[in-house]
Amino acid sequence: MSVQTTTAMTHPLVRYALVLALLAALAYSLYMPHMTPAGYASYMMTILLQVSVTAILAVGVTFVLLTGGVDLSLGSLVALAGVVAAIFARAGQPLGVSIAMGVLAGLACGLVNGAVVVFARVAPFIATLGMMTAARGLALLLSGGKPVPDLGESFKAIAGQRAAGVPVPVLIVAAVAGLAWLFLRHSRPGRYVYAVGGNEEAARACGLNVSLVKVFVYAVSGALAGLAGVINASRLTTGQPNTGEGFELAAIAAAVIGGTSLSGGVGTIGGALLGALLMGMISSALDMRDVSAYYQQIITGGIIVAAVWLERKGRRE
């Protein structure tokens, strides 16, 4: 099987529709006579900061979706990683240790997800649904069901600091996305990810270790969920065991809106980022127009369905 053919299957119909939708959201946002150029720059930076957690999750879940899997545990992993990092931060551990422990918590759960899917042969939907419940329970157990406070100024500064006027979480998103893009597009293991999602049996016949690839993508998704959890805890200034509900759906929606196929083998990191940005801009624009949150959920649902339909239509053509 040609891996290059599989990776090239980013449908123009989806790509153009996404760009048009993003431009429409941008034009709608610009239609604010009271906003100065400086104010608009600040507004855009705020949106980028708001979608940083979703963007990191979207990058991670793109790896899983590319193999034809799904990860529903992301929101709970965000909560668990945030609680773990907060516990170490409150204990006075160095910032690097606190961040590492949060990421490792997500990585460990991701490895379990991958092992259950591959070796126990449990459907990804069920395996990650079970992890969603278990990780949430563990977060509540470790925190005693209460927020973990007193994290220290260095930990809180992760989400609050800026470098050259850009929020640190936005820079982290850029670094994560850049590394993920390089891996998927310019490395042999990255091409294996597309190959497994494009045709698993053909990939196995070519000698690829399909089991290893699948465990790897769930590990990546878990580790990035851990990183997102650390950033989220810093933004909230506490380790919240109840945070993250619905984060997995937002991340999957961003990836799908960005052109990632739920069937596997098709998708890009750039598309996932654009999907997250589009959702953030639409939500912000609707907020500024005082549109009810209930209507916003309906609109978001419609956008997701439309994106999947466009992807299916482009695939058939």
C-alpha atoms as a PDB file:
ATOM      1  CA  MET A   1       0.000   0.000   0.000  1.00  0.00           C
ATOM      2  CA  SER A   2       1.205   3.491  -0.785  1.00  0.00           C
ATOM      3  CA  VAL A   3       1.469   5.518   2.389  1.00  0.00           C
ATOM      4  CA  GLN A   4       2.024   8.698   0.444  1.00  0.00           C
ATOM      5  CA  THR A   5      -1.325   8.239  -1.307  1.00  0.00           C
ATOM      6  CA  THR A   6      -3.052   7.831   2.034  1.00  0.00           C
ATOM      7  CA  THR A   7      -1.511  10.922   3.598  1.00  0.00           C
ATOM      8  CA  ALA A   8      -2.408  12.990   0.580  1.00  0.00           C
ATOM      9  CA  MET A   9      -6.111  12.268   0.987  1.00  0.00           C
ATOM     10  CA  THR A  10      -6.998  15.605   2.590  1.00  0.00           C
ATOM     11  CA  HIS A  11     -10.129  16.389   0.651  1.00  0.00           C
ATOM     12  CA  PRO A  12     -10.215  19.795  -1.086  1.00  0.00           C
ATOM     13  CA  LEU A  13     -13.948  20.089  -0.386  1.00  0.00           C
ATOM     14  CA  VAL A  14     -13.395  19.866   3.360  1.00  0.00           C
ATOM     15  CA  ARG A  15     -10.315  22.083   3.237  1.00  0.00           C
ATOM     16  CA  TYR A  16     -12.007  24.838   1.250  1.00  0.00           C
ATOM     17  CA  ALA A  17     -15.169  24.693   3.337  1.00  0.00           C
ATOM     18  CA  LEU A  18     -13.083  25.032   6.501  1.00  0.00           C
ATOM     19  CA  VAL A  19     -11.169  28.025   5.163  1.00  0.00           C
ATOM     20  CA  LEU A  20     -14.398  29.713   4.068  1.00  0.00           C
ATOM     21  CA  ALA A  21     -15.994  29.086   7.452  1.00  0.00           C
ATOM     22  CA  LEU A  22     -12.919  30.468   9.213  1.00  0.00           C
ATOM     23  CA  LEU A  23     -12.971  33.571   7.013  1.00  0.00           C
ATOM     24  CA  ALA A  24     -16.684  34.004   7.690  1.00  0.00           C
ATOM     25  CA  ALA A  25     -16.075  33.820  11.448  1.00  0.00           C
ATOM     26  CA  LEU A  26     -13.210  36.290  11.061  1.00  0.00           C
ATOM     27  CA  ALA A  27     -15.352  38.711   9.046  1.00  0.00           C
ATOM     28  CA  TYR A  28     -18.156  38.417  11.578  1.00  0.00           C
ATOM     29  CA  SER A  29     -15.737  39.199  14.386  1.00  0.00           C
ATOM     30  CA  LEU A  30     -14.285  42.143  12.475  1.00  0.00           C
ATOM     31  CA  TYR A  31     -17.737  43.644  12.072  1.00  0.00           C
ATOM     32  CA  MET A  32     -17.389  45.459  15.368  1.00  0.00           C
ATOM     33  CA  PRO A  33     -17.013  49.213  14.800  1.00  0.00           C
ATOM     34  CA  HIS A  34     -16.055  49.859  18.404  1.00  0.00           C
ATOM     35  CA  MET A  35     -12.963  47.601  18.209  1.00  0.00           C
ATOM     36  CA  THR A  36      -9.596  49.190  17.395  1.00  0.00           C
ATOM     37  CA  PRO A  37      -6.799  47.264  15.632  1.00  0.00           C
ATOM     38  CA  ALA A  38      -4.974  46.938  18.942  1.00  0.00           C
ATOM     39  CA  GLY A  39      -8.173  45.785  20.581  1.00  0.00           C
ATOM     40  CA  TYR A  40      -8.732  43.213  17.860  1.00  0.00           C
ATOM     41  CA  ALA A  41      -5.164  41.902  18.230  1.00  0.00           C
ATOM     42  CA  SER A  42      -5.806  41.492  21.941  1.00  0.00           C
ATOM     43  CA  TYR A  43      -9.127  39.811  21.161  1.00  0.00           C
ATOM     44  CA  MET A  44      -7.461  37.284  18.858  1.00  0.00           C
ATOM     45  CA  MET A  45      -4.782  36.551  21.430  1.00  0.00           C
ATOM     46  CA  THR A  46      -7.520  35.920  23.988  1.00  0.00           C
ATOM     47  CA  ILE A  47      -9.216  33.444  21.647  1.00  0.00           C
ATOM     48  CA  LEU A  48      -5.935  31.630  21.049  1.00  0.00           C
ATOM     49  CA  LEU A  49      -5.443  31.382  24.801  1.00  0.00           C
ATOM     50  CA  GLN A  50      -8.989  30.119  25.323  1.00  0.00           C
ATOM     51  CA  VAL A  51      -8.645  27.331  22.750  1.00  0.00           C
ATOM     52  CA  SER A  52      -5.131  26.280  23.819  1.00  0.00           C
ATOM     53  CA  VAL A  53      -6.308  23.303  25.884  1.00  0.00           C
ATOM     54  CA  THR A  54      -8.720  22.145  23.176  1.00  0.00           C
ATOM     55  CA  ALA A  55      -6.013  22.568  20.526  1.00  0.00           C
ATOM     56  CA  ILE A  56      -3.523  20.385  22.420  1.00  0.00           C
ATOM     57  CA  LEU A  57      -6.189  17.724  22.937  1.00  0.00           C
ATOM     58  CA  ALA A  58      -7.140  17.935  19.258  1.00  0.00           C
ATOM     59  CA  VAL A  59      -3.523  17.319  18.224  1.00  0.00           C
ATOM     60  CA  GLY A  60      -3.368  14.264  20.461  1.00  0.00           C
ATOM     61  CA  VAL A  61      -6.686  12.766  19.409  1.00  0.00           C
ATOM     62  CA  THR A  62      -5.787  13.283  15.738  1.00  0.00           C
ATOM     63  CA  PHE A  63      -3.132  10.584  16.164  1.00  0.00           C
ATOM     64  CA  VAL A  64      -5.805   8.186  17.442  1.00  0.00           C
ATOM     65  CA  LEU A  65      -8.375   9.103  14.796  1.00  0.00           C
ATOM     66  CA  LEU A  66      -5.809   8.592  12.041  1.00  0.00           C
ATOM     67  CA  THR A  67      -5.641   4.902  12.998  1.00  0.00           C
ATOM     68  CA  GLY A  68      -9.422   4.583  12.990  1.00  0.00           C
ATOM     69  CA  GLY A  69      -9.717   4.696  16.786  1.00  0.00           C
ATOM     70  CA  VAL A  70     -11.293   7.146  19.198  1.00  0.00           C
ATOM     71  CA  ASP A  71     -10.406   8.454  22.672  1.00  0.00           C
ATOM     72  CA  LEU A  72     -13.285   9.434  24.949  1.00  0.00           C
ATOM     73  CA  SER A  73     -11.153   9.639  28.095  1.00  0.00           C
ATOM     74  CA  LEU A  74      -9.491  12.980  27.327  1.00  0.00           C
ATOM     75  CA  GLY A  75     -11.650  15.152  29.595  1.00  0.00           C
ATOM     76  CA  SER A  76     -11.120  12.883  32.594  1.00  0.00           C
ATOM     77  CA  LEU A  77      -7.390  12.686  31.890  1.00  0.00           C
ATOM     78  CA  VAL A  78      -7.259  16.485  31.922  1.00  0.00           C
ATOM     79  CA  ALA A  79      -8.821  16.430  35.394  1.00  0.00           C
ATOM     80  CA  LEU A  80      -6.568  13.629  36.668  1.00  0.00           C
ATOM     81  CA  ALA A  81      -3.367  15.186  35.326  1.00  0.00           C
ATOM     82  CA  GLY A  82      -4.325  18.559  36.764  1.00  0.00           C
ATOM     83  CA  VAL A  83      -4.939  17.040  40.191  1.00  0.00           C
ATOM     84  CA  VAL A  84      -1.673  15.055  40.121  1.00  0.00           C
ATOM     85  CA  ALA A  85       0.360  18.097  39.058  1.00  0.00           C
ATOM     86  CA  ALA A  86      -1.394  20.239  41.673  1.00  0.00           C
ATOM     87  CA  ILE A  87      -0.621  17.759  44.452  1.00  0.00           C
ATOM     88  CA  PHE A  88       3.083  17.872  43.636  1.00  0.00           C
ATOM     89  CA  ALA A  89       3.025  21.662  43.255  1.00  0.00           C
ATOM     90  CA  ARG A  90       1.329  22.089  46.637  1.00  0.00           C
ATOM     91  CA  ALA A  91       3.951  19.796  48.179  1.00  0.00           C
ATOM     92  CA  GLY A  92       6.614  22.285  47.085  1.00  0.00           C
ATOM     93  CA  GLN A  93       8.151  20.163  44.332  1.00  0.00           C
ATOM     94  CA  PRO A  94      10.022  21.975  41.523  1.00  0.00           C
ATOM     95  CA  LEU A  95       7.865  23.181  38.658  1.00  0.00           C
ATOM     96  CA  GLY A  96       9.433  20.729  36.226  1.00  0.00           C
ATOM     97  CA  VAL A  97       8.592  17.789  38.503  1.00  0.00           C
ATOM     98  CA  SER A  98       4.972  18.887  38.855  1.00  0.00           C
ATOM     99  CA  ILE A  99       4.574  19.251  35.090  1.00  0.00           C
ATOM    100  CA  ALA A 100       6.300  15.935  34.427  1.00  0.00           C
ATOM    101  CA  MET A 101       4.084  14.061  36.873  1.00  0.00           C
ATOM    102  CA  GLY A 102       0.956  15.473  35.283  1.00  0.00           C
ATOM    103  CA  VAL A 103       2.124  14.472  31.804  1.00  0.00           C
ATOM    104  CA  LEU A 104       3.190  11.025  33.054  1.00  0.00           C
ATOM    105  CA  ALA A 105      -0.241  10.488  34.596  1.00  0.00           C
ATOM    106  CA  GLY A 106      -1.824  11.110  31.207  1.00  0.00           C
ATOM    107  CA  LEU A 107       0.799   8.960  29.459  1.00  0.00           C
ATOM    108  CA  ALA A 108       0.183   6.025  31.816  1.00  0.00           C
ATOM    109  CA  CYS A 109      -3.564   6.162  31.184  1.00  0.00           C
ATOM    110  CA  GLY A 110      -2.963   6.403  27.451  1.00  0.00           C
ATOM    111  CA  LEU A 111      -0.770   3.302  27.555  1.00  0.00           C
ATOM    112  CA  VAL A 112      -3.511   1.450  29.414  1.00  0.00           C
ATOM    113  CA  ASN A 113      -6.029   2.541  26.780  1.00  0.00           C
ATOM    114  CA  GLY A 114      -3.766   1.277  24.016  1.00  0.00           C
ATOM    115  CA  ALA A 115      -3.072  -2.016  25.783  1.00  0.00           C
ATOM    116  CA  VAL A 116      -6.772  -2.686  26.374  1.00  0.00           C
ATOM    117  CA  VAL A 117      -7.615  -1.905  22.741  1.00  0.00           C
ATOM    118  CA  VAL A 118      -4.767  -3.955  21.270  1.00  0.00           C
ATOM    119  CA  PHE A 119      -4.234  -6.898  23.614  1.00  0.00           C
ATOM    120  CA  ALA A 120      -7.675  -7.287  25.209  1.00  0.00           C
ATOM    121  CA  ARG A 121      -9.255  -6.460  21.832  1.00  0.00           C
ATOM    122  CA  VAL A 122     -11.844  -4.200  23.391  1.00  0.00           C
ATOM    123  CA  ALA A 123     -13.430  -1.677  21.037  1.00  0.00           C
ATOM    124  CA  PRO A 124     -11.786   1.775  21.402  1.00  0.00           C
ATOM    125  CA  PHE A 125     -15.145   3.340  22.243  1.00  0.00           C
ATOM    126  CA  ILE A 126     -15.660   0.976  25.199  1.00  0.00           C
ATOM    127  CA  ALA A 127     -12.028   0.940  26.353  1.00  0.00           C
ATOM    128  CA  THR A 128     -11.716   4.718  26.503  1.00  0.00           C
ATOM    129  CA  LEU A 129     -15.217   5.089  27.953  1.00  0.00           C
ATOM    130  CA  GLY A 130     -14.100   2.846  30.803  1.00  0.00           C
ATOM    131  CA  MET A 131     -10.949   4.937  31.252  1.00  0.00           C
ATOM    132  CA  MET A 132     -13.071   8.093  31.248  1.00  0.00           C
ATOM    133  CA  THR A 133     -14.939   6.794  34.302  1.00  0.00           C
ATOM    134  CA  ALA A 134     -11.894   5.303  36.040  1.00  0.00           C
ATOM    135  CA  ALA A 135      -9.688   8.392  35.593  1.00  0.00           C
ATOM    136  CA  ARG A 136     -12.443  10.661  36.882  1.00  0.00           C
ATOM    137  CA  GLY A 137     -12.850   8.440  39.920  1.00  0.00           C
ATOM    138  CA  LEU A 138      -9.093   8.444  40.541  1.00  0.00           C
ATOM    139  CA  ALA A 139      -8.994  12.247  40.295  1.00  0.00           C
ATOM    140  CA  LEU A 140     -11.774  12.484  42.883  1.00  0.00           C
ATOM    141  CA  LEU A 141     -10.029   9.914  45.105  1.00  0.00           C
ATOM    142  CA  LEU A 142      -6.654  11.675  45.039  1.00  0.00           C
ATOM    143  CA  SER A 143      -8.176  15.085  45.713  1.00  0.00           C
ATOM    144  CA  GLY A 144     -10.711  13.920  48.276  1.00  0.00           C
ATOM    145  CA  GLY A 145     -13.417  15.261  45.988  1.00  0.00           C
ATOM    146  CA  LYS A 146     -12.222  18.840  46.518  1.00  0.00           C
ATOM    147  CA  PRO A 147     -10.084  21.287  44.542  1.00  0.00           C
ATOM    148  CA  VAL A 148      -6.357  21.164  45.291  1.00  0.00           C
ATOM    149  CA  PRO A 149      -5.296  24.766  46.160  1.00  0.00           C
ATOM    150  CA  ASP A 150      -2.050  26.570  47.064  1.00  0.00           C
ATOM    151  CA  LEU A 151      -0.118  25.651  43.925  1.00  0.00           C
ATOM    152  CA  GLY A 152       2.507  28.356  44.169  1.00  0.00           C
ATOM    153  CA  GLU A 153       3.153  31.314  41.920  1.00  0.00           C
ATOM    154  CA  SER A 154       5.458  29.482  39.511  1.00  0.00           C
ATOM    155  CA  PHE A 155       2.792  26.904  38.711  1.00  0.00           C
ATOM    156  CA  LYS A 156       0.084  29.533  38.291  1.00  0.00           C
ATOM    157  CA  ALA A 157       2.377  31.467  35.966  1.00  0.00           C
ATOM    158  CA  ILE A 158       2.320  28.680  33.348  1.00  0.00           C
ATOM    159  CA  ALA A 159      -0.968  29.991  31.972  1.00  0.00           C
ATOM    160  CA  GLY A 160      -0.445  33.598  33.015  1.00  0.00           C
ATOM    161  CA  GLN A 161       2.983  34.473  31.651  1.00  0.00           C
ATOM    162  CA  ARG A 162       3.715  35.907  28.232  1.00  0.00           C
ATOM    163  CA  ALA A 163       6.790  35.756  26.026  1.00  0.00           C
ATOM    164  CA  ALA A 164       7.136  38.560  23.480  1.00  0.00           C
ATOM    165  CA  GLY A 165       3.505  39.408  24.136  1.00  0.00           C
ATOM    166  CA  VAL A 166       2.296  35.867  23.391  1.00  0.00           C
ATOM    167  CA  PRO A 167       0.741  33.760  26.191  1.00  0.00           C
ATOM    168  CA  VAL A 168       2.872  30.770  27.122  1.00  0.00           C
ATOM    169  CA  PRO A 169       0.039  28.253  26.477  1.00  0.00           C
ATOM    170  CA  VAL A 170      -0.190  29.537  22.888  1.00  0.00           C
ATOM    171  CA  LEU A 171       3.546  28.988  22.451  1.00  0.00           C
ATOM    172  CA  ILE A 172       3.180  25.491  23.898  1.00  0.00           C
ATOM    173  CA  VAL A 173       0.418  24.752  21.362  1.00  0.00           C
ATOM    174  CA  ALA A 174       2.675  25.953  18.550  1.00  0.00           C
ATOM    175  CA  ALA A 175       5.552  23.764  19.744  1.00  0.00           C
ATOM    176  CA  VAL A 176       3.366  20.686  20.209  1.00  0.00           C
ATOM    177  CA  ALA A 177       1.676  21.140  16.833  1.00  0.00           C
ATOM    178  CA  GLY A 178       4.995  21.739  15.083  1.00  0.00           C
ATOM    179  CA  LEU A 179       6.558  18.588  16.508  1.00  0.00           C
ATOM    180  CA  ALA A 180       3.437  16.540  15.735  1.00  0.00           C
ATOM    181  CA  TRP A 181       3.376  17.819  12.148  1.00  0.00           C
ATOM    182  CA  LEU A 182       7.043  17.011  11.633  1.00  0.00           C
ATOM    183  CA  PHE A 183       6.549  13.536  13.060  1.00  0.00           C
ATOM    184  CA  LEU A 184       3.498  12.654  10.966  1.00  0.00           C
ATOM    185  CA  ARG A 185       4.650  14.157   7.701  1.00  0.00           C
ATOM    186  CA  HIS A 186       8.408  13.700   7.754  1.00  0.00           C
ATOM    187  CA  SER A 187       9.172  10.520   9.672  1.00  0.00           C
ATOM    188  CA  ARG A 188       8.771   6.857   8.854  1.00  0.00           C
ATOM    189  CA  PRO A 189       6.806   6.067  12.071  1.00  0.00           C
ATOM    190  CA  GLY A 190       4.477   8.945  11.212  1.00  0.00           C
ATOM    191  CA  ARG A 191       3.735   7.370   7.846  1.00  0.00           C
ATOM    192  CA  TYR A 192       3.017   4.104   9.664  1.00  0.00           C
ATOM    193  CA  VAL A 193       0.214   5.873  11.560  1.00  0.00           C
ATOM    194  CA  TYR A 194      -1.453   6.846   8.291  1.00  0.00           C
ATOM    195  CA  ALA A 195      -0.845   3.377   6.856  1.00  0.00           C
ATOM    196  CA  VAL A 196      -2.576   1.614   9.746  1.00  0.00           C
ATOM    197  CA  GLY A 197      -5.590   3.900   9.472  1.00  0.00           C
ATOM    198  CA  GLY A 198      -5.727   3.682   5.692  1.00  0.00           C
ATOM    199  CA  ASN A 199      -5.737  -0.115   5.508  1.00  0.00           C
ATOM    200  CA  GLU A 200      -4.833  -2.058   8.620  1.00  0.00           C
ATOM    201  CA  GLU A 201      -4.644  -5.448   6.941  1.00  0.00           C
ATOM    202  CA  ALA A 202      -2.447  -4.139   4.125  1.00  0.00           C
ATOM    203  CA  ALA A 203      -0.181  -2.457   6.714  1.00  0.00           C
ATOM    204  CA  ARG A 204       0.123  -5.741   8.600  1.00  0.00           C
ATOM    205  CA  ALA A 205       0.840  -7.610   5.376  1.00  0.00           C
ATOM    206  CA  CYS A 206       3.656  -5.124   4.678  1.00  0.00           C
ATOM    207  CA  GLY A 207       5.274  -6.097   7.963  1.00  0.00           C
ATOM    208  CA  LEU A 208       4.239  -3.123  10.085  1.00  0.00           C
ATOM    209  CA  ASN A 209       3.801  -3.704  13.813  1.00  0.00           C
ATOM    210  CA  VAL A 210       0.181  -2.556  13.913  1.00  0.00           C
ATOM    211  CA  SER A 211      -0.184  -3.286  17.641  1.00  0.00           C
ATOM    212  CA  LEU A 212       2.782  -1.084  18.513  1.00  0.00           C
ATOM    213  CA  VAL A 213       1.483   1.758  16.349  1.00  0.00           C
ATOM    214  CA  LYS A 214      -1.916   1.636  18.043  1.00  0.00           C
ATOM    215  CA  VAL A 215      -0.470   1.615  21.560  1.00  0.00           C
ATOM    216  CA  PHE A 216       1.805   4.485  20.549  1.00  0.00           C
ATOM    217  CA  VAL A 217      -1.019   6.755  19.320  1.00  0.00           C
ATOM    218  CA  TYR A 218      -3.041   6.260  22.509  1.00  0.00           C
ATOM    219  CA  ALA A 219       0.093   7.016  24.536  1.00  0.00           C
ATOM    220  CA  VAL A 220       0.576  10.260  22.591  1.00  0.00           C
ATOM    221  CA  SER A 221      -3.052  11.211  23.113  1.00  0.00           C
ATOM    222  CA  GLY A 222      -2.776  10.496  26.842  1.00  0.00           C
ATOM    223  CA  ALA A 223       0.489  12.396  27.280  1.00  0.00           C
ATOM    224  CA  LEU A 224      -0.895  15.476  25.512  1.00  0.00           C
ATOM    225  CA  ALA A 225      -4.044  15.241  27.619  1.00  0.00           C
ATOM    226  CA  GLY A 226      -1.730  15.289  30.627  1.00  0.00           C
ATOM    227  CA  LEU A 227      -0.002  18.413  29.319  1.00  0.00           C
ATOM    228  CA  ALA A 228      -3.384  20.032  28.660  1.00  0.00           C
ATOM    229  CA  GLY A 229      -4.404  19.123  32.201  1.00  0.00           C
ATOM    230  CA  VAL A 230      -1.380  20.913  33.657  1.00  0.00           C
ATOM    231  CA  ILE A 231      -2.159  24.059  31.641  1.00  0.00           C
ATOM    232  CA  ASN A 232      -5.813  23.856  32.636  1.00  0.00           C
ATOM    233  CA  ALA A 233      -4.937  23.538  36.326  1.00  0.00           C
ATOM    234  CA  SER A 234      -2.650  26.561  36.013  1.00  0.00           C
ATOM    235  CA  ARG A 235      -5.449  28.591  34.404  1.00  0.00           C
ATOM    236  CA  LEU A 236      -7.890  27.574  37.158  1.00  0.00           C
ATOM    237  CA  THR A 237      -5.153  28.072  39.839  1.00  0.00           C
ATOM    238  CA  THR A 238      -6.338  24.809  41.444  1.00  0.00           C
ATOM    239  CA  GLY A 239      -6.419  21.128  40.621  1.00  0.00           C
ATOM    240  CA  GLN A 240     -10.105  20.584  39.874  1.00  0.00           C
ATOM    241  CA  PRO A 241     -11.239  16.920  39.881  1.00  0.00           C
ATOM    242  CA  ASN A 242     -14.544  17.847  38.202  1.00  0.00           C
ATOM    243  CA  THR A 243     -13.100  19.849  35.328  1.00  0.00           C
ATOM    244  CA  GLY A 244     -12.781  18.629  31.753  1.00  0.00           C
ATOM    245  CA  GLU A 245     -16.308  17.368  31.151  1.00  0.00           C
ATOM    246  CA  GLY A 246     -16.984  17.505  27.431  1.00  0.00           C
ATOM    247  CA  PHE A 247     -13.369  18.340  26.542  1.00  0.00           C
ATOM    248  CA  GLU A 248     -13.038  15.092  24.613  1.00  0.00           C
ATOM    249  CA  LEU A 249     -16.002  15.975  22.410  1.00  0.00           C
ATOM    250  CA  ALA A 250     -14.617  19.448  21.707  1.00  0.00           C
ATOM    251  CA  ALA A 251     -11.239  17.972  20.745  1.00  0.00           C
ATOM    252  CA  ILE A 252     -12.744  15.322  18.467  1.00  0.00           C
ATOM    253  CA  ALA A 253     -15.030  17.955  16.934  1.00  0.00           C
ATOM    254  CA  ALA A 254     -12.065  20.222  16.215  1.00  0.00           C
ATOM    255  CA  ALA A 255     -10.195  17.388  14.500  1.00  0.00           C
ATOM    256  CA  VAL A 256     -13.226  16.349  12.457  1.00  0.00           C
ATOM    257  CA  ILE A 257     -14.061  19.921  11.470  1.00  0.00           C
ATOM    258  CA  GLY A 258     -10.432  20.204  10.392  1.00  0.00           C
ATOM    259  CA  GLY A 259     -10.838  17.329   7.946  1.00  0.00           C
ATOM    260  CA  THR A 260      -9.765  14.292   9.974  1.00  0.00           C
ATOM    261  CA  SER A 261     -11.732  11.214   8.945  1.00  0.00           C
ATOM    262  CA  LEU A 262     -13.429   9.144  11.631  1.00  0.00           C
ATOM    263  CA  SER A 263     -12.647   6.124   9.456  1.00  0.00           C
ATOM    264  CA  GLY A 264      -8.899   6.701   9.758  1.00  0.00           C
ATOM    265  CA  GLY A 265      -6.084   7.383   7.349  1.00  0.00           C
ATOM    266  CA  VAL A 266      -7.002  10.994   6.570  1.00  0.00           C
ATOM    267  CA  GLY A 267      -6.248  14.154   8.529  1.00  0.00           C
ATOM    268  CA  THR A 268      -3.656  16.778   9.372  1.00  0.00           C
ATOM    269  CA  ILE A 269      -2.414  18.563  12.457  1.00  0.00           C
ATOM    270  CA  GLY A 270      -2.989  21.934  10.776  1.00  0.00           C
ATOM    271  CA  GLY A 271      -6.588  21.013  10.120  1.00  0.00           C
ATOM    272  CA  ALA A 272      -7.130  20.115  13.774  1.00  0.00           C
ATOM    273  CA  LEU A 273      -5.709  23.482  14.865  1.00  0.00           C
ATOM    274  CA  LEU A 274      -7.897  25.344  12.369  1.00  0.00           C
ATOM    275  CA  GLY A 275     -10.888  23.400  13.630  1.00  0.00           C
ATOM    276  CA  ALA A 276     -10.160  24.401  17.226  1.00  0.00           C
ATOM    277  CA  LEU A 277      -9.645  28.035  16.201  1.00  0.00           C
ATOM    278  CA  LEU A 278     -12.847  28.055  14.176  1.00  0.00           C
ATOM    279  CA  MET A 279     -14.863  26.738  17.103  1.00  0.00           C
ATOM    280  CA  GLY A 280     -13.278  29.313  19.402  1.00  0.00           C
ATOM    281  CA  MET A 281     -13.978  32.208  17.037  1.00  0.00           C
ATOM    282  CA  ILE A 282     -17.579  31.172  16.474  1.00  0.00           C
ATOM    283  CA  SER A 283     -18.169  30.768  20.201  1.00  0.00           C
ATOM    284  CA  SER A 284     -16.581  34.153  20.945  1.00  0.00           C
ATOM    285  CA  ALA A 285     -18.520  35.909  18.193  1.00  0.00           C
ATOM    286  CA  LEU A 286     -21.786  34.431  19.435  1.00  0.00           C
ATOM    287  CA  ASP A 287     -20.920  35.439  23.003  1.00  0.00           C
ATOM    288  CA  MET A 288     -20.339  39.030  21.876  1.00  0.00           C
ATOM    289  CA  ARG A 289     -23.761  38.965  20.222  1.00  0.00           C
ATOM    290  CA  ASP A 290     -25.325  37.654  23.446  1.00  0.00           C
ATOM    291  CA  VAL A 291     -26.444  34.421  21.800  1.00  0.00           C
ATOM    292  CA  SER A 292     -27.652  31.899  24.377  1.00  0.00           C
ATOM    293  CA  ALA A 293     -25.243  29.100  25.268  1.00  0.00           C
ATOM    294  CA  TYR A 294     -28.010  26.634  24.411  1.00  0.00           C
ATOM    295  CA  TYR A 295     -28.188  27.925  20.843  1.00  0.00           C
ATOM    296  CA  GLN A 296     -24.395  27.827  20.665  1.00  0.00           C
ATOM    297  CA  GLN A 297     -24.423  24.099  21.434  1.00  0.00           C
ATOM    298  CA  ILE A 298     -26.986  23.539  18.686  1.00  0.00           C
ATOM    299  CA  ILE A 299     -24.880  25.529  16.215  1.00  0.00           C
ATOM    300  CA  THR A 300     -21.725  23.636  17.168  1.00  0.00           C
ATOM    301  CA  GLY A 301     -23.519  20.323  16.729  1.00  0.00           C
ATOM    302  CA  GLY A 302     -24.698  21.412  13.288  1.00  0.00           C
ATOM    303  CA  ILE A 303     -21.165  22.390  12.287  1.00  0.00           C
ATOM    304  CA  ILE A 304     -19.829  18.979  13.352  1.00  0.00           C
ATOM    305  CA  VAL A 305     -22.490  17.108  11.380  1.00  0.00           C
ATOM    306  CA  ALA A 306     -21.854  19.322   8.338  1.00  0.00           C
ATOM    307  CA  ALA A 307     -18.102  18.710   8.581  1.00  0.00           C
ATOM    308  CA  VAL A 308     -18.564  14.930   8.705  1.00  0.00           C
ATOM    309  CA  TRP A 309     -20.987  15.075   5.759  1.00  0.00           C
ATOM    310  CA  LEU A 310     -18.529  17.116   3.713  1.00  0.00           C
ATOM    311  CA  GLU A 311     -15.736  14.680   4.563  1.00  0.00           C
ATOM    312  CA  ARG A 312     -17.879  11.712   3.493  1.00  0.00           C
ATOM    313  CA  LYS A 313     -18.960  13.475   0.324  1.00  0.00           C
ATOM    314  CA  GLY A 314     -15.365  14.359  -0.574  1.00  0.00           C
ATOM    315  CA  ARG A 315     -14.282  10.768   0.120  1.00  0.00           C
ATOM    316  CA  ARG A 316     -16.914   9.358  -2.260  1.00  0.00           C
ATOM    317  CA  GLU A 317     -15.903  11.814  -4.991  1.00  0.00           C
END
